[in-house]
Amino acid sequence: MKIEFLYFEGCPYYQTALRNLEQVLEEEKIGIPVDMVRIESQEQALRNKFLGSPTIRINGQDIEPGVRDLKDFSMRCRLYSEAGSITGWPSKDLIRHALKEAYEQI
């Protein structure tokens, strides 16, 4: 399994997202390293299919199913919509669900 964490320096949300990811990995006893990908330019955003900071992908799939077909790649902060709330980071439940989905596909 491959876990990627894409972000840009200065994003006010990436540290909360990273903390949520690390906590879920610890809670679920998943000892897989996280590949940290720092996006530094629009060209790099396009090349990495970056939907905004923070982005988490597991086995190449975005953890948010509803955005997987989007092609709007750029250097911007990302928002997550869950259960009627909008935040700048994915919840632990969203991360946990994506990990479960990835394990089911193995």
N, C-alpha and C. Protein backbone atom coordinates (compact mmCIF):
# COMPACT_ATOMS: atom_id res chain seq x y z
N MET A 1 0.85 -1.17 0.00
CA MET A 1 0.00 0.00 0.00
C MET A 1 0.90 1.23 0.00
N LYS A 2 0.49 2.24 -0.77
CA LYS A 2 1.24 3.49 -0.85
C LYS A 2 0.35 4.63 -0.39
N ILE A 3 0.84 5.42 0.55
CA ILE A 3 0.11 6.58 1.05
C ILE A 3 0.92 7.83 0.71
N GLU A 4 0.27 8.76 -0.01
CA GLU A 4 0.91 10.02 -0.36
C GLU A 4 0.19 11.17 0.35
N PHE A 5 0.96 12.11 0.83
CA PHE A 5 0.43 13.32 1.45
C PHE A 5 1.00 14.50 0.69
N LEU A 6 0.15 15.18 -0.07
CA LEU A 6 0.58 16.30 -0.90
C LEU A 6 0.13 17.60 -0.24
N TYR A 7 1.02 18.58 -0.22
CA TYR A 7 0.74 19.84 0.46
C TYR A 7 1.65 20.93 -0.09
N PHE A 8 1.36 22.17 0.28
CA PHE A 8 2.33 23.23 0.04
C PHE A 8 2.58 23.98 1.33
N GLU A 9 3.80 24.44 1.48
CA GLU A 9 4.20 25.19 2.66
C GLU A 9 3.35 26.46 2.72
N GLY A 10 2.86 26.79 3.87
CA GLY A 10 2.01 27.97 4.03
C GLY A 10 0.53 27.64 4.06
N CYS A 11 0.16 26.43 3.69
CA CYS A 11 -1.24 26.02 3.78
C CYS A 11 -1.60 25.94 5.27
N PRO A 12 -2.66 26.64 5.69
CA PRO A 12 -2.99 26.63 7.11
C PRO A 12 -3.61 25.32 7.61
N TYR A 13 -3.90 24.39 6.70
CA TYR A 13 -4.62 23.18 7.08
C TYR A 13 -3.80 21.89 7.04
N TYR A 14 -2.66 21.91 6.39
CA TYR A 14 -1.98 20.64 6.15
C TYR A 14 -1.53 19.97 7.43
N GLN A 15 -1.15 20.73 8.45
CA GLN A 15 -0.67 20.10 9.68
C GLN A 15 -1.79 19.35 10.40
N THR A 16 -2.99 19.89 10.38
CA THR A 16 -4.13 19.19 10.99
C THR A 16 -4.43 17.91 10.22
N ALA A 17 -4.39 17.99 8.89
CA ALA A 17 -4.64 16.80 8.07
C ALA A 17 -3.58 15.74 8.32
N LEU A 18 -2.32 16.15 8.41
CA LEU A 18 -1.24 15.20 8.65
C LEU A 18 -1.39 14.57 10.03
N ARG A 19 -1.75 15.36 11.00
CA ARG A 19 -1.96 14.82 12.36
C ARG A 19 -3.11 13.80 12.34
N ASN A 20 -4.21 14.11 11.66
CA ASN A 20 -5.32 13.15 11.55
C ASN A 20 -4.87 11.86 10.89
N LEU A 21 -4.11 11.98 9.80
CA LEU A 21 -3.62 10.79 9.10
C LEU A 21 -2.73 9.96 10.02
N GLU A 22 -1.78 10.60 10.70
CA GLU A 22 -0.87 9.87 11.59
C GLU A 22 -1.63 9.19 12.72
N GLN A 23 -2.64 9.86 13.27
CA GLN A 23 -3.43 9.27 14.35
C GLN A 23 -4.21 8.05 13.88
N VAL A 24 -4.80 8.14 12.70
CA VAL A 24 -5.55 7.00 12.16
C VAL A 24 -4.60 5.83 11.90
N LEU A 25 -3.46 6.08 11.32
CA LEU A 25 -2.50 5.00 11.08
C LEU A 25 -2.09 4.34 12.38
N GLU A 26 -1.88 5.14 13.42
CA GLU A 26 -1.52 4.59 14.72
C GLU A 26 -2.69 3.81 15.33
N GLU A 27 -3.88 4.38 15.30
CA GLU A 27 -5.06 3.72 15.87
C GLU A 27 -5.37 2.40 15.18
N GLU A 28 -5.16 2.35 13.87
CA GLU A 28 -5.44 1.14 13.09
C GLU A 28 -4.24 0.20 13.02
N LYS A 29 -3.16 0.59 13.67
CA LYS A 29 -1.92 -0.22 13.70
C LYS A 29 -1.41 -0.51 12.28
N ILE A 30 -1.38 0.54 11.47
CA ILE A 30 -0.88 0.44 10.09
C ILE A 30 0.49 1.08 10.06
N GLY A 31 1.51 0.27 9.85
CA GLY A 31 2.88 0.75 9.88
C GLY A 31 3.44 1.08 8.51
N ILE A 32 2.68 1.77 7.72
CA ILE A 32 3.12 2.11 6.36
C ILE A 32 3.64 3.54 6.37
N PRO A 33 4.82 3.78 5.81
CA PRO A 33 5.32 5.15 5.78
C PRO A 33 4.50 6.02 4.84
N VAL A 34 4.44 7.30 5.17
CA VAL A 34 3.71 8.28 4.36
C VAL A 34 4.72 8.99 3.47
N ASP A 35 4.45 9.00 2.18
CA ASP A 35 5.30 9.70 1.21
C ASP A 35 4.88 11.16 1.18
N MET A 36 5.70 12.04 1.76
CA MET A 36 5.41 13.47 1.81
C MET A 36 5.82 14.12 0.50
N VAL A 37 4.87 14.77 -0.17
CA VAL A 37 5.13 15.42 -1.46
C VAL A 37 4.83 16.91 -1.29
N ARG A 38 5.89 17.69 -1.25
CA ARG A 38 5.75 19.15 -1.11
C ARG A 38 5.62 19.76 -2.50
N ILE A 39 4.51 20.40 -2.76
CA ILE A 39 4.26 21.03 -4.06
C ILE A 39 4.75 22.47 -3.98
N GLU A 40 5.58 22.86 -4.93
CA GLU A 40 6.20 24.18 -4.87
C GLU A 40 5.91 25.06 -6.08
N SER A 41 5.21 24.56 -7.09
CA SER A 41 4.94 25.36 -8.28
C SER A 41 3.68 24.86 -8.98
N GLN A 42 3.13 25.70 -9.84
CA GLN A 42 1.96 25.30 -10.62
C GLN A 42 2.31 24.12 -11.53
N GLU A 43 3.51 24.13 -12.09
CA GLU A 43 3.94 23.03 -12.96
C GLU A 43 3.97 21.71 -12.18
N GLN A 44 4.48 21.77 -10.98
CA GLN A 44 4.52 20.58 -10.14
C GLN A 44 3.10 20.15 -9.74
N ALA A 45 2.21 21.13 -9.52
CA ALA A 45 0.81 20.82 -9.20
C ALA A 45 0.17 20.06 -10.35
N LEU A 46 0.40 20.51 -11.57
CA LEU A 46 -0.16 19.82 -12.74
C LEU A 46 0.43 18.43 -12.89
N ARG A 47 1.74 18.32 -12.75
CA ARG A 47 2.42 17.03 -12.92
C ARG A 47 1.95 16.00 -11.88
N ASN A 48 1.67 16.47 -10.67
CA ASN A 48 1.25 15.58 -9.59
C ASN A 48 -0.26 15.46 -9.43
N LYS A 49 -1.01 16.09 -10.37
CA LYS A 49 -2.48 16.06 -10.31
C LYS A 49 -2.97 16.48 -8.92
N PHE A 50 -2.49 17.65 -8.52
CA PHE A 50 -2.71 18.20 -7.19
C PHE A 50 -4.01 18.98 -7.14
N LEU A 51 -4.97 18.49 -6.37
CA LEU A 51 -6.27 19.13 -6.23
C LEU A 51 -6.28 20.21 -5.16
N GLY A 52 -5.17 20.42 -4.50
CA GLY A 52 -5.07 21.44 -3.46
C GLY A 52 -4.51 20.85 -2.18
N SER A 53 -4.11 21.74 -1.30
CA SER A 53 -3.47 21.35 -0.05
C SER A 53 -4.48 21.40 1.09
N PRO A 54 -4.53 20.32 1.84
CA PRO A 54 -3.81 19.05 1.74
C PRO A 54 -4.58 18.02 0.91
N THR A 55 -3.82 17.15 0.25
CA THR A 55 -4.41 16.03 -0.49
C THR A 55 -3.77 14.75 0.02
N ILE A 56 -4.59 13.75 0.26
CA ILE A 56 -4.10 12.44 0.66
C ILE A 56 -4.57 11.44 -0.39
N ARG A 57 -3.62 10.63 -0.88
CA ARG A 57 -3.97 9.57 -1.82
C ARG A 57 -3.45 8.24 -1.28
N ILE A 58 -4.27 7.22 -1.49
CA ILE A 58 -3.88 5.86 -1.10
C ILE A 58 -3.92 5.02 -2.36
N ASN A 59 -2.80 4.43 -2.67
CA ASN A 59 -2.65 3.64 -3.90
C ASN A 59 -3.08 4.45 -5.13
N GLY A 60 -2.74 5.73 -5.11
CA GLY A 60 -3.03 6.59 -6.24
C GLY A 60 -4.42 7.17 -6.28
N GLN A 61 -5.29 6.77 -5.36
CA GLN A 61 -6.68 7.24 -5.32
C GLN A 61 -6.84 8.31 -4.24
N ASP A 62 -7.48 9.41 -4.60
CA ASP A 62 -7.80 10.43 -3.60
C ASP A 62 -8.71 9.81 -2.55
N ILE A 63 -8.55 10.23 -1.31
CA ILE A 63 -9.39 9.64 -0.24
C ILE A 63 -10.84 10.11 -0.32
N GLU A 64 -11.09 11.18 -1.07
CA GLU A 64 -12.45 11.69 -1.22
C GLU A 64 -13.03 11.20 -2.54
N PRO A 65 -13.89 10.19 -2.52
CA PRO A 65 -14.38 9.59 -3.76
C PRO A 65 -14.99 10.57 -4.76
N GLY A 66 -15.68 11.58 -4.29
CA GLY A 66 -16.38 12.50 -5.16
C GLY A 66 -15.51 13.41 -6.01
N VAL A 67 -14.21 13.44 -5.74
CA VAL A 67 -13.32 14.33 -6.50
C VAL A 67 -12.36 13.58 -7.41
N ARG A 68 -12.47 12.28 -7.45
CA ARG A 68 -11.47 11.48 -8.18
C ARG A 68 -11.43 11.74 -9.68
N ASP A 69 -12.50 12.25 -10.25
CA ASP A 69 -12.51 12.53 -11.68
C ASP A 69 -12.21 14.00 -12.01
N LEU A 70 -11.99 14.82 -11.00
CA LEU A 70 -11.70 16.23 -11.24
C LEU A 70 -10.34 16.40 -11.91
N LYS A 71 -10.22 17.46 -12.69
CA LYS A 71 -8.98 17.75 -13.40
C LYS A 71 -8.52 19.18 -13.14
N ASP A 72 -9.04 19.80 -12.12
CA ASP A 72 -8.74 21.19 -11.80
C ASP A 72 -7.53 21.25 -10.85
N PHE A 73 -6.35 21.03 -11.40
CA PHE A 73 -5.14 20.93 -10.60
C PHE A 73 -4.49 22.31 -10.45
N SER A 74 -4.18 22.69 -9.21
CA SER A 74 -3.53 23.98 -9.01
C SER A 74 -3.03 24.13 -7.58
N MET A 75 -2.26 25.21 -7.38
CA MET A 75 -1.73 25.56 -6.07
C MET A 75 -2.81 26.35 -5.33
N ARG A 76 -3.54 25.68 -4.47
CA ARG A 76 -4.56 26.35 -3.67
C ARG A 76 -4.85 25.50 -2.43
N CYS A 77 -5.53 26.10 -1.49
CA CYS A 77 -6.00 25.35 -0.33
C CYS A 77 -7.23 24.55 -0.76
N ARG A 78 -7.35 23.41 -0.18
CA ARG A 78 -8.45 22.51 -0.52
C ARG A 78 -9.47 22.49 0.60
N LEU A 79 -10.73 22.30 0.25
CA LEU A 79 -11.79 22.17 1.23
C LEU A 79 -12.41 20.78 1.13
N TYR A 80 -12.81 20.25 2.26
CA TYR A 80 -13.46 18.95 2.33
C TYR A 80 -14.88 19.14 2.85
N SER A 81 -15.85 18.53 2.20
CA SER A 81 -17.24 18.60 2.61
C SER A 81 -17.66 17.24 3.14
N GLU A 82 -18.03 17.23 4.42
CA GLU A 82 -18.46 15.97 5.05
C GLU A 82 -19.64 16.24 5.97
N ALA A 83 -20.68 15.49 5.80
CA ALA A 83 -21.86 15.55 6.67
C ALA A 83 -22.35 16.98 6.86
N GLY A 84 -22.38 17.75 5.78
CA GLY A 84 -22.90 19.10 5.83
C GLY A 84 -21.93 20.15 6.35
N SER A 85 -20.72 19.75 6.70
CA SER A 85 -19.71 20.69 7.18
C SER A 85 -18.60 20.82 6.17
N ILE A 86 -17.99 22.00 6.12
CA ILE A 86 -16.85 22.22 5.25
C ILE A 86 -15.64 22.58 6.12
N THR A 87 -14.55 21.84 5.90
CA THR A 87 -13.30 22.09 6.63
C THR A 87 -12.15 22.08 5.64
N GLY A 88 -11.00 22.50 6.11
CA GLY A 88 -9.82 22.52 5.27
C GLY A 88 -8.98 21.26 5.37
N TRP A 89 -9.49 20.25 6.04
CA TRP A 89 -8.75 19.00 6.21
C TRP A 89 -9.74 17.84 6.26
N PRO A 90 -9.29 16.65 5.89
CA PRO A 90 -10.16 15.48 5.96
C PRO A 90 -10.29 14.99 7.40
N SER A 91 -11.46 14.51 7.73
CA SER A 91 -11.69 13.96 9.07
C SER A 91 -10.99 12.61 9.20
N LYS A 92 -10.83 12.19 10.43
CA LYS A 92 -10.27 10.87 10.67
C LYS A 92 -11.17 9.79 10.10
N ASP A 93 -12.49 10.00 10.13
CA ASP A 93 -13.42 9.02 9.57
C ASP A 93 -13.23 8.87 8.07
N LEU A 94 -13.04 9.98 7.35
CA LEU A 94 -12.82 9.91 5.90
C LEU A 94 -11.53 9.17 5.60
N ILE A 95 -10.48 9.45 6.35
CA ILE A 95 -9.19 8.76 6.16
C ILE A 95 -9.35 7.28 6.45
N ARG A 96 -10.00 6.96 7.54
CA ARG A 96 -10.20 5.55 7.94
C ARG A 96 -11.00 4.80 6.87
N HIS A 97 -12.04 5.42 6.34
CA HIS A 97 -12.86 4.79 5.30
C HIS A 97 -12.01 4.54 4.04
N ALA A 98 -11.17 5.49 3.67
CA ALA A 98 -10.32 5.33 2.48
C ALA A 98 -9.31 4.19 2.68
N LEU A 99 -8.77 4.06 3.87
CA LEU A 99 -7.84 2.97 4.15
C LEU A 99 -8.57 1.63 4.05
N LYS A 100 -9.76 1.56 4.61
CA LYS A 100 -10.55 0.32 4.53
C LYS A 100 -10.85 -0.03 3.07
N GLU A 101 -11.24 0.97 2.28
CA GLU A 101 -11.50 0.76 0.86
C GLU A 101 -10.25 0.23 0.14
N ALA A 102 -9.10 0.78 0.47
CA ALA A 102 -7.85 0.34 -0.18
C ALA A 102 -7.53 -1.11 0.20
N TYR A 103 -7.75 -1.47 1.45
CA TYR A 103 -7.49 -2.86 1.87
C TYR A 103 -8.44 -3.84 1.19
N GLU A 104 -9.67 -3.42 0.97
CA GLU A 104 -10.65 -4.29 0.32
C GLU A 104 -10.28 -4.55 -1.15
N GLN A 105 -9.53 -3.64 -1.76
CA GLN A 105 -9.15 -3.78 -3.15
C GLN A 105 -7.89 -4.62 -3.35
N ILE A 106 -7.25 -4.98 -2.25
CA ILE A 106 -6.02 -5.78 -2.34
C ILE A 106 -6.37 -7.24 -2.58
